[in-house]
Amino acid sequence: MTRSTKFTGGFGGVSLKTPSPAAQRIEAALTAHGAAAPLIRKIVNLAADTPPGGEAAALAGALAALYLFNPLDQSRSGRFMLVGAPGVGKTLAVAKLAARAKAQGAKIRLVTCDVAKSGGIEQLRHFAATLGLEVEIAAGRDALAALGASSGALLLIDTGGINPYSPSDRAALEDLAQAARAEPVLVLAAGGDPADTVETAHVFRDIGCQRFLVTRLDIVHRLGSVLAVPEALGIAFAEGLSATSLSQGIVPFSAASLAQLLLALAG
């Protein structure tokens, strides 16, 4: 016996199923996170037949059907440049990625081109010293272009925050990424306004970012802005990070881990 009804209103005539009580709990959780109503309807429709107690698996399945999950592969050499607006946690993200990679036995090179911010280099040097690593300074395009091959090392590049609405800032950052021959990876802080977050992410996607890290997951309770970015732009979830200690709080995003986080934060 089917439990679907035809919806002929503003959702494109899509056949929507009557959600089970478990799917209704998913709907309540997403509403608490401030997710957009059209997205909630999509997810609830995918999870409509969820049996009691199956919320996490059903939500994970819906997220996997809707979004891309592509964590950074630190098991081999790569070149990643972390980019974003000021104050989103790029330097701590670089340090956490380096700490995890070192724990996995990877060879690491840490580079910063964040030479304008007061204390930026010192902060990364502090983290690097904790890990027994050195920090290379590349102040500008030519210095990044001269970095050369990484000889099997994971190359992590910290950058200064840019104003995403400044054409000159955007052009300069894109030039740096091309000079370093590195993949730009967007760093976003959780908890922002969804519309502002999408606008910011759109700018960085146009620079070349195809995946993003989310910081401050331990100090927010609403992830509507986090869900809005891949929904609007199609870029992939990569890693989730806390704002706490260097050795803790970095998890590769998967549909299952994101589903668990959404349900846990919503209570």
C-alpha atoms as a PDB file:
ATOM      1  CA  MET A   1       0.000   0.000   0.000  1.00  0.00           C
ATOM      2  CA  THR A   2       1.458   3.298  -1.069  1.00  0.00           C
ATOM      3  CA  ARG A   3       1.453   6.307   1.223  1.00  0.00           C
ATOM      4  CA  SER A   4       2.140   8.969  -1.392  1.00  0.00           C
ATOM      5  CA  THR A   5       0.004  11.911  -2.342  1.00  0.00           C
ATOM      6  CA  LYS A   6       0.276  14.198  -5.329  1.00  0.00           C
ATOM      7  CA  PHE A   7       1.525  17.674  -4.521  1.00  0.00           C
ATOM      8  CA  THR A   8       0.533  20.159  -7.196  1.00  0.00           C
ATOM      9  CA  GLY A   9       1.658  23.373  -5.548  1.00  0.00           C
ATOM     10  CA  GLY A  10       4.964  25.212  -5.739  1.00  0.00           C
ATOM     11  CA  PHE A  11       7.270  22.150  -5.665  1.00  0.00           C
ATOM     12  CA  GLY A  12       7.151  21.316  -9.346  1.00  0.00           C
ATOM     13  CA  GLY A  13       4.349  18.731  -9.137  1.00  0.00           C
ATOM     14  CA  VAL A  14       6.654  16.233  -7.387  1.00  0.00           C
ATOM     15  CA  SER A  15       4.960  13.242  -5.779  1.00  0.00           C
ATOM     16  CA  LEU A  16       5.537  13.638  -2.059  1.00  0.00           C
ATOM     17  CA  LYS A  17       5.208  10.769   0.388  1.00  0.00           C
ATOM     18  CA  THR A  18       3.525  11.077   3.734  1.00  0.00           C
ATOM     19  CA  PRO A  19       6.461  10.968   6.176  1.00  0.00           C
ATOM     20  CA  SER A  20       6.697   8.367   8.901  1.00  0.00           C
ATOM     21  CA  PRO A  21       7.081   9.512  12.528  1.00  0.00           C
ATOM     22  CA  ALA A  22      10.839   8.977  12.201  1.00  0.00           C
ATOM     23  CA  ALA A  23      10.947  11.135   9.069  1.00  0.00           C
ATOM     24  CA  GLN A  24       8.964  13.768  10.925  1.00  0.00           C
ATOM     25  CA  ARG A  25      11.699  13.807  13.566  1.00  0.00           C
ATOM     26  CA  ILE A  26      14.245  14.395  10.771  1.00  0.00           C
ATOM     27  CA  GLU A  27      12.073  17.272   9.549  1.00  0.00           C
ATOM     28  CA  ALA A  28      11.996  18.767  13.040  1.00  0.00           C
ATOM     29  CA  ALA A  29      15.788  18.498  13.343  1.00  0.00           C
ATOM     30  CA  LEU A  30      16.403  20.201   9.995  1.00  0.00           C
ATOM     31  CA  THR A  31      13.922  22.930  10.883  1.00  0.00           C
ATOM     32  CA  ALA A  32      15.803  23.520  14.132  1.00  0.00           C
ATOM     33  CA  HIS A  33      19.001  23.944  12.104  1.00  0.00           C
ATOM     34  CA  GLY A  34      17.382  26.648   9.978  1.00  0.00           C
ATOM     35  CA  ALA A  35      17.550  24.647   6.753  1.00  0.00           C
ATOM     36  CA  ALA A  36      15.581  26.066   3.846  1.00  0.00           C
ATOM     37  CA  ALA A  37      12.054  24.708   3.425  1.00  0.00           C
ATOM     38  CA  PRO A  38      12.616  23.315  -0.121  1.00  0.00           C
ATOM     39  CA  LEU A  39      15.646  21.374   1.091  1.00  0.00           C
ATOM     40  CA  ILE A  40      13.722  20.010   4.066  1.00  0.00           C
ATOM     41  CA  ARG A  41      10.983  18.799   1.733  1.00  0.00           C
ATOM     42  CA  LYS A  42      13.513  17.011  -0.479  1.00  0.00           C
ATOM     43  CA  ILE A  43      15.132  15.225   2.443  1.00  0.00           C
ATOM     44  CA  VAL A  44      11.860  14.311   4.128  1.00  0.00           C
ATOM     45  CA  ASN A  45      10.532  12.892   0.867  1.00  0.00           C
ATOM     46  CA  LEU A  46      13.652  10.734   0.527  1.00  0.00           C
ATOM     47  CA  ALA A  47      13.288   9.579   4.131  1.00  0.00           C
ATOM     48  CA  ALA A  48       9.500   9.220   4.136  1.00  0.00           C
ATOM     49  CA  ASP A  49       9.414   5.454   4.773  1.00  0.00           C
ATOM     50  CA  THR A  50      11.936   5.498   7.617  1.00  0.00           C
ATOM     51  CA  PRO A  51      11.153   2.886  10.286  1.00  0.00           C
ATOM     52  CA  PRO A  52      11.221   3.834  13.977  1.00  0.00           C
ATOM     53  CA  GLY A  53      14.790   4.325  15.185  1.00  0.00           C
ATOM     54  CA  GLY A  54      16.188   4.596  11.679  1.00  0.00           C
ATOM     55  CA  GLU A  55      16.559   8.363  11.532  1.00  0.00           C
ATOM     56  CA  ALA A  56      20.357   8.454  11.274  1.00  0.00           C
ATOM     57  CA  ALA A  57      20.557   5.921   8.456  1.00  0.00           C
ATOM     58  CA  ALA A  58      17.669   7.496   6.566  1.00  0.00           C
ATOM     59  CA  LEU A  59      19.103  11.003   6.861  1.00  0.00           C
ATOM     60  CA  ALA A  60      22.528   9.733   5.787  1.00  0.00           C
ATOM     61  CA  GLY A  61      20.965   8.101   2.737  1.00  0.00           C
ATOM     62  CA  ALA A  62      19.176  11.307   1.795  1.00  0.00           C
ATOM     63  CA  LEU A  63      22.335  13.388   2.232  1.00  0.00           C
ATOM     64  CA  ALA A  64      24.341  10.920   0.137  1.00  0.00           C
ATOM     65  CA  ALA A  65      21.741  11.184  -2.626  1.00  0.00           C
ATOM     66  CA  LEU A  66      21.809  14.994  -2.600  1.00  0.00           C
ATOM     67  CA  TYR A  67      25.421  15.974  -1.879  1.00  0.00           C
ATOM     68  CA  LEU A  68      29.024  15.152  -2.690  1.00  0.00           C
ATOM     69  CA  PHE A  69      31.426  14.046   0.057  1.00  0.00           C
ATOM     70  CA  ASN A  70      35.103  14.232  -0.863  1.00  0.00           C
ATOM     71  CA  PRO A  71      37.530  14.353   2.116  1.00  0.00           C
ATOM     72  CA  LEU A  72      41.120  15.409   1.531  1.00  0.00           C
ATOM     73  CA  ASP A  73      43.325  12.403   0.742  1.00  0.00           C
ATOM     74  CA  GLN A  74      46.326  12.737   3.035  1.00  0.00           C
ATOM     75  CA  SER A  75      47.634   9.242   2.408  1.00  0.00           C
ATOM     76  CA  ARG A  76      49.672  10.496  -0.532  1.00  0.00           C
ATOM     77  CA  SER A  77      51.332  13.718  -1.617  1.00  0.00           C
ATOM     78  CA  GLY A  78      49.077  16.614  -2.547  1.00  0.00           C
ATOM     79  CA  ARG A  79      49.089  20.389  -2.683  1.00  0.00           C
ATOM     80  CA  PHE A  80      46.298  22.175  -0.855  1.00  0.00           C
ATOM     81  CA  MET A  81      45.867  25.903  -0.327  1.00  0.00           C
ATOM     82  CA  LEU A  82      43.304  26.805   2.334  1.00  0.00           C
ATOM     83  CA  VAL A  83      41.387  29.972   1.479  1.00  0.00           C
ATOM     84  CA  GLY A  84      38.524  31.968   2.917  1.00  0.00           C
ATOM     85  CA  ALA A  85      37.375  35.185   4.505  1.00  0.00           C
ATOM     86  CA  PRO A  86      39.219  36.644   7.521  1.00  0.00           C
ATOM     87  CA  GLY A  87      38.754  34.901  10.852  1.00  0.00           C
ATOM     88  CA  VAL A  88      37.220  31.608   9.700  1.00  0.00           C
ATOM     89  CA  GLY A  89      40.024  29.441  11.137  1.00  0.00           C
ATOM     90  CA  LYS A  90      42.307  28.735   8.176  1.00  0.00           C
ATOM     91  CA  THR A  91      45.524  28.601  10.208  1.00  0.00           C
ATOM     92  CA  LEU A  92      44.088  26.230  12.797  1.00  0.00           C
ATOM     93  CA  ALA A  93      42.652  24.119   9.966  1.00  0.00           C
ATOM     94  CA  VAL A  94      46.103  23.871   8.361  1.00  0.00           C
ATOM     95  CA  ALA A  95      47.559  22.844  11.709  1.00  0.00           C
ATOM     96  CA  LYS A  96      44.871  20.227  12.354  1.00  0.00           C
ATOM     97  CA  LEU A  97      45.334  18.738   8.880  1.00  0.00           C
ATOM     98  CA  ALA A  98      49.087  18.621   9.474  1.00  0.00           C
ATOM     99  CA  ALA A  99      48.638  16.960  12.875  1.00  0.00           C
ATOM    100  CA  ARG A 100      46.395  14.274  11.406  1.00  0.00           C
ATOM    101  CA  ALA A 101      48.696  13.678   8.460  1.00  0.00           C
ATOM    102  CA  LYS A 102      51.706  13.358  10.737  1.00  0.00           C
ATOM    103  CA  ALA A 103      49.851  10.845  12.903  1.00  0.00           C
ATOM    104  CA  GLN A 104      49.239   8.847   9.728  1.00  0.00           C
ATOM    105  CA  GLY A 105      52.946   8.874   8.917  1.00  0.00           C
ATOM    106  CA  ALA A 106      52.843  11.397   6.075  1.00  0.00           C
ATOM    107  CA  LYS A 107      55.677  13.746   5.183  1.00  0.00           C
ATOM    108  CA  ILE A 108      54.491  17.351   5.491  1.00  0.00           C
ATOM    109  CA  ARG A 109      55.514  20.779   4.251  1.00  0.00           C
ATOM    110  CA  LEU A 110      53.888  23.802   5.861  1.00  0.00           C
ATOM    111  CA  VAL A 111      53.905  27.075   3.919  1.00  0.00           C
ATOM    112  CA  THR A 112      52.336  30.417   4.712  1.00  0.00           C
ATOM    113  CA  CYS A 113      51.795  33.392   2.466  1.00  0.00           C
ATOM    114  CA  ASP A 114      49.817  35.185   5.193  1.00  0.00           C
ATOM    115  CA  VAL A 115      52.486  37.809   5.788  1.00  0.00           C
ATOM    116  CA  ALA A 116      50.194  40.817   6.198  1.00  0.00           C
ATOM    117  CA  LYS A 117      48.227  39.762   9.270  1.00  0.00           C
ATOM    118  CA  SER A 118      49.860  40.604  12.557  1.00  0.00           C
ATOM    119  CA  GLY A 119      50.770  37.388  14.324  1.00  0.00           C
ATOM    120  CA  GLY A 120      49.714  35.123  11.446  1.00  0.00           C
ATOM    121  CA  ILE A 121      53.142  33.593  10.886  1.00  0.00           C
ATOM    122  CA  GLU A 122      53.791  33.299  14.625  1.00  0.00           C
ATOM    123  CA  GLN A 123      50.537  31.421  15.134  1.00  0.00           C
ATOM    124  CA  LEU A 124      51.387  28.834  12.489  1.00  0.00           C
ATOM    125  CA  ARG A 125      54.947  28.560  13.792  1.00  0.00           C
ATOM    126  CA  HIS A 126      53.568  27.838  17.257  1.00  0.00           C
ATOM    127  CA  PHE A 127      51.415  25.015  15.912  1.00  0.00           C
ATOM    128  CA  ALA A 128      54.271  23.738  13.761  1.00  0.00           C
ATOM    129  CA  ALA A 129      56.673  23.652  16.698  1.00  0.00           C
ATOM    130  CA  THR A 130      54.173  21.519  18.612  1.00  0.00           C
ATOM    131  CA  LEU A 131      54.309  19.045  15.721  1.00  0.00           C
ATOM    132  CA  GLY A 132      58.080  19.254  15.220  1.00  0.00           C
ATOM    133  CA  LEU A 133      57.687  20.950  11.840  1.00  0.00           C
ATOM    134  CA  GLU A 134      59.134  24.035  10.193  1.00  0.00           C
ATOM    135  CA  VAL A 135      57.183  26.769   8.411  1.00  0.00           C
ATOM    136  CA  GLU A 136      58.248  28.076   5.021  1.00  0.00           C
ATOM    137  CA  ILE A 137      57.333  31.669   4.166  1.00  0.00           C
ATOM    138  CA  ALA A 138      56.305  32.447   0.594  1.00  0.00           C
ATOM    139  CA  ALA A 139      55.520  36.153   0.390  1.00  0.00           C
ATOM    140  CA  GLY A 140      53.924  36.470  -2.999  1.00  0.00           C
ATOM    141  CA  ARG A 141      53.405  34.808  -6.338  1.00  0.00           C
ATOM    142  CA  ASP A 142      57.054  34.367  -7.289  1.00  0.00           C
ATOM    143  CA  ALA A 143      57.914  32.750  -3.950  1.00  0.00           C
ATOM    144  CA  LEU A 144      55.029  30.305  -4.279  1.00  0.00           C
ATOM    145  CA  ALA A 145      55.988  29.469  -7.849  1.00  0.00           C
ATOM    146  CA  ALA A 146      59.521  28.745  -6.635  1.00  0.00           C
ATOM    147  CA  LEU A 147      58.424  26.169  -4.054  1.00  0.00           C
ATOM    148  CA  GLY A 148      59.217  23.383  -6.477  1.00  0.00           C
ATOM    149  CA  ALA A 149      58.230  19.756  -6.219  1.00  0.00           C
ATOM    150  CA  SER A 150      57.125  18.461  -2.835  1.00  0.00           C
ATOM    151  CA  SER A 151      59.135  15.213  -3.087  1.00  0.00           C
ATOM    152  CA  GLY A 152      56.270  13.041  -1.908  1.00  0.00           C
ATOM    153  CA  ALA A 153      55.256  15.421   0.878  1.00  0.00           C
ATOM    154  CA  LEU A 154      51.815  16.749   1.641  1.00  0.00           C
ATOM    155  CA  LEU A 155      52.013  20.509   0.991  1.00  0.00           C
ATOM    156  CA  LEU A 156      49.639  22.638   3.079  1.00  0.00           C
ATOM    157  CA  ILE A 157      49.519  26.368   2.357  1.00  0.00           C
ATOM    158  CA  ASP A 158      47.996  28.915   4.732  1.00  0.00           C
ATOM    159  CA  THR A 159      46.707  32.152   3.214  1.00  0.00           C
ATOM    160  CA  GLY A 160      45.516  35.491   4.461  1.00  0.00           C
ATOM    161  CA  GLY A 161      41.789  36.111   4.571  1.00  0.00           C
ATOM    162  CA  ILE A 162      40.384  38.104   1.670  1.00  0.00           C
ATOM    163  CA  ASN A 163      37.365  40.311   1.211  1.00  0.00           C
ATOM    164  CA  PRO A 164      35.257  38.131  -1.114  1.00  0.00           C
ATOM    165  CA  TYR A 165      33.582  41.214  -2.551  1.00  0.00           C
ATOM    166  CA  SER A 166      36.877  42.830  -3.583  1.00  0.00           C
ATOM    167  CA  PRO A 167      37.768  42.069  -7.230  1.00  0.00           C
ATOM    168  CA  SER A 168      41.450  42.795  -6.561  1.00  0.00           C
ATOM    169  CA  ASP A 169      41.532  40.447  -3.555  1.00  0.00           C
ATOM    170  CA  ARG A 170      39.886  37.682  -5.571  1.00  0.00           C
ATOM    171  CA  ALA A 171      42.250  38.091  -8.508  1.00  0.00           C
ATOM    172  CA  ALA A 172      45.298  38.110  -6.242  1.00  0.00           C
ATOM    173  CA  LEU A 173      44.240  34.926  -4.465  1.00  0.00           C
ATOM    174  CA  GLU A 174      43.507  33.107  -7.715  1.00  0.00           C
ATOM    175  CA  ASP A 175      46.937  34.135  -8.963  1.00  0.00           C
ATOM    176  CA  LEU A 176      48.573  32.716  -5.818  1.00  0.00           C
ATOM    177  CA  ALA A 177      46.802  29.383  -6.182  1.00  0.00           C
ATOM    178  CA  GLN A 178      47.874  29.086  -9.798  1.00  0.00           C
ATOM    179  CA  ALA A 179      51.451  29.963  -8.933  1.00  0.00           C
ATOM    180  CA  ALA A 180      51.559  27.346  -6.180  1.00  0.00           C
ATOM    181  CA  ARG A 181      49.944  24.727  -8.448  1.00  0.00           C
ATOM    182  CA  ALA A 182      47.730  23.895  -5.485  1.00  0.00           C
ATOM    183  CA  GLU A 183      44.072  23.027  -5.105  1.00  0.00           C
ATOM    184  CA  PRO A 184      42.237  25.868  -3.363  1.00  0.00           C
ATOM    185  CA  VAL A 185      40.041  24.482  -0.571  1.00  0.00           C
ATOM    186  CA  LEU A 186      37.450  26.768   0.988  1.00  0.00           C
ATOM    187  CA  VAL A 187      37.289  27.147   4.774  1.00  0.00           C
ATOM    188  CA  LEU A 188      33.906  28.217   6.134  1.00  0.00           C
ATOM    189  CA  ALA A 189      32.892  28.860   9.723  1.00  0.00           C
ATOM    190  CA  ALA A 190      29.664  27.191  10.836  1.00  0.00           C
ATOM    191  CA  GLY A 191      26.862  29.255  12.294  1.00  0.00           C
ATOM    192  CA  GLY A 192      26.646  32.116   9.815  1.00  0.00           C
ATOM    193  CA  ASP A 193      23.668  33.494   7.966  1.00  0.00           C
ATOM    194  CA  PRO A 194      22.836  31.028   5.150  1.00  0.00           C
ATOM    195  CA  ALA A 195      22.427  33.693   2.455  1.00  0.00           C
ATOM    196  CA  ASP A 196      25.695  35.439   3.367  1.00  0.00           C
ATOM    197  CA  THR A 197      27.521  32.119   3.580  1.00  0.00           C
ATOM    198  CA  VAL A 198      26.317  31.044   0.142  1.00  0.00           C
ATOM    199  CA  GLU A 199      27.303  34.384  -1.382  1.00  0.00           C
ATOM    200  CA  THR A 200      30.786  34.093   0.097  1.00  0.00           C
ATOM    201  CA  ALA A 201      31.174  30.477  -0.992  1.00  0.00           C
ATOM    202  CA  HIS A 202      30.029  31.373  -4.502  1.00  0.00           C
ATOM    203  CA  VAL A 203      32.961  33.759  -4.854  1.00  0.00           C
ATOM    204  CA  PHE A 204      35.466  31.096  -3.802  1.00  0.00           C
ATOM    205  CA  ARG A 205      33.883  28.472  -6.015  1.00  0.00           C
ATOM    206  CA  ASP A 206      34.444  30.806  -8.962  1.00  0.00           C
ATOM    207  CA  ILE A 207      38.100  31.064  -7.921  1.00  0.00           C
ATOM    208  CA  GLY A 208      38.342  27.274  -8.208  1.00  0.00           C
ATOM    209  CA  CYS A 209      37.210  25.733  -4.899  1.00  0.00           C
ATOM    210  CA  GLN A 210      35.385  22.444  -5.451  1.00  0.00           C
ATOM    211  CA  ARG A 211      35.230  21.350  -1.807  1.00  0.00           C
ATOM    212  CA  PHE A 212      35.087  22.985   1.587  1.00  0.00           C
ATOM    213  CA  LEU A 213      36.042  22.537   5.230  1.00  0.00           C
ATOM    214  CA  VAL A 214      33.722  23.613   8.040  1.00  0.00           C
ATOM    215  CA  THR A 215      35.177  25.006  11.272  1.00  0.00           C
ATOM    216  CA  ARG A 216      33.702  25.752  14.730  1.00  0.00           C
ATOM    217  CA  LEU A 217      31.427  22.735  14.715  1.00  0.00           C
ATOM    218  CA  ASP A 218      31.784  22.449  18.482  1.00  0.00           C
ATOM    219  CA  ILE A 219      30.557  25.966  19.255  1.00  0.00           C
ATOM    220  CA  VAL A 220      27.382  26.221  17.149  1.00  0.00           C
ATOM    221  CA  HIS A 221      23.999  24.513  17.300  1.00  0.00           C
ATOM    222  CA  ARG A 222      22.603  25.390  13.867  1.00  0.00           C
ATOM    223  CA  LEU A 223      24.063  24.171  10.577  1.00  0.00           C
ATOM    224  CA  GLY A 224      21.573  25.621   8.111  1.00  0.00           C
ATOM    225  CA  SER A 225      24.314  27.683   6.475  1.00  0.00           C
ATOM    226  CA  VAL A 226      26.513  24.588   6.106  1.00  0.00           C
ATOM    227  CA  LEU A 227      23.744  22.738   4.272  1.00  0.00           C
ATOM    228  CA  ALA A 228      22.928  25.749   2.106  1.00  0.00           C
ATOM    229  CA  VAL A 229      26.356  25.861   0.442  1.00  0.00           C
ATOM    230  CA  PRO A 230      26.382  22.492  -1.366  1.00  0.00           C
ATOM    231  CA  GLU A 231      22.654  22.820  -2.017  1.00  0.00           C
ATOM    232  CA  ALA A 232      23.200  26.086  -3.892  1.00  0.00           C
ATOM    233  CA  LEU A 233      26.636  25.535  -5.412  1.00  0.00           C
ATOM    234  CA  GLY A 234      27.222  21.805  -5.759  1.00  0.00           C
ATOM    235  CA  ILE A 235      30.650  21.804  -4.101  1.00  0.00           C
ATOM    236  CA  ALA A 236      31.661  18.858  -1.941  1.00  0.00           C
ATOM    237  CA  PHE A 237      31.914  18.464   1.816  1.00  0.00           C
ATOM    238  CA  ALA A 238      35.508  17.666   2.785  1.00  0.00           C
ATOM    239  CA  GLU A 239      36.271  17.958   6.513  1.00  0.00           C
ATOM    240  CA  GLY A 240      34.593  19.086   9.706  1.00  0.00           C
ATOM    241  CA  LEU A 241      36.681  20.781  12.402  1.00  0.00           C
ATOM    242  CA  SER A 242      36.143  21.933  15.940  1.00  0.00           C
ATOM    243  CA  ALA A 243      37.544  25.125  17.431  1.00  0.00           C
ATOM    244  CA  THR A 244      39.303  23.258  20.228  1.00  0.00           C
ATOM    245  CA  SER A 245      42.747  21.752  20.695  1.00  0.00           C
ATOM    246  CA  LEU A 246      45.182  21.036  17.899  1.00  0.00           C
ATOM    247  CA  SER A 247      45.165  17.286  18.420  1.00  0.00           C
ATOM    248  CA  GLN A 248      41.383  16.878  18.400  1.00  0.00           C
ATOM    249  CA  GLY A 249      38.366  17.758  16.377  1.00  0.00           C
ATOM    250  CA  ILE A 250      38.930  16.973  12.698  1.00  0.00           C
ATOM    251  CA  VAL A 251      36.683  14.442  10.984  1.00  0.00           C
ATOM    252  CA  PRO A 252      36.361  13.626   7.275  1.00  0.00           C
ATOM    253  CA  PHE A 253      32.809  14.445   6.292  1.00  0.00           C
ATOM    254  CA  SER A 254      30.630  11.577   5.178  1.00  0.00           C
ATOM    255  CA  ALA A 255      26.885  11.344   4.793  1.00  0.00           C
ATOM    256  CA  ALA A 256      26.764   9.262   7.978  1.00  0.00           C
ATOM    257  CA  SER A 257      28.888  11.618  10.083  1.00  0.00           C
ATOM    258  CA  LEU A 258      26.958  14.678   8.919  1.00  0.00           C
ATOM    259  CA  ALA A 259      23.623  12.978   9.636  1.00  0.00           C
ATOM    260  CA  GLN A 260      24.734  12.081  13.143  1.00  0.00           C
ATOM    261  CA  LEU A 261      25.920  15.624  13.761  1.00  0.00           C
ATOM    262  CA  LEU A 262      22.678  17.167  12.539  1.00  0.00           C
ATOM    263  CA  LEU A 263      20.561  14.922  14.732  1.00  0.00           C
ATOM    264  CA  ALA A 264      22.811  15.287  17.783  1.00  0.00           C
ATOM    265  CA  LEU A 265      22.919  19.090  17.655  1.00  0.00           C
ATOM    266  CA  ALA A 266      19.165  19.321  17.207  1.00  0.00           C
ATOM    267  CA  GLY A 267      18.618  17.214  20.316  1.00  0.00           C
END
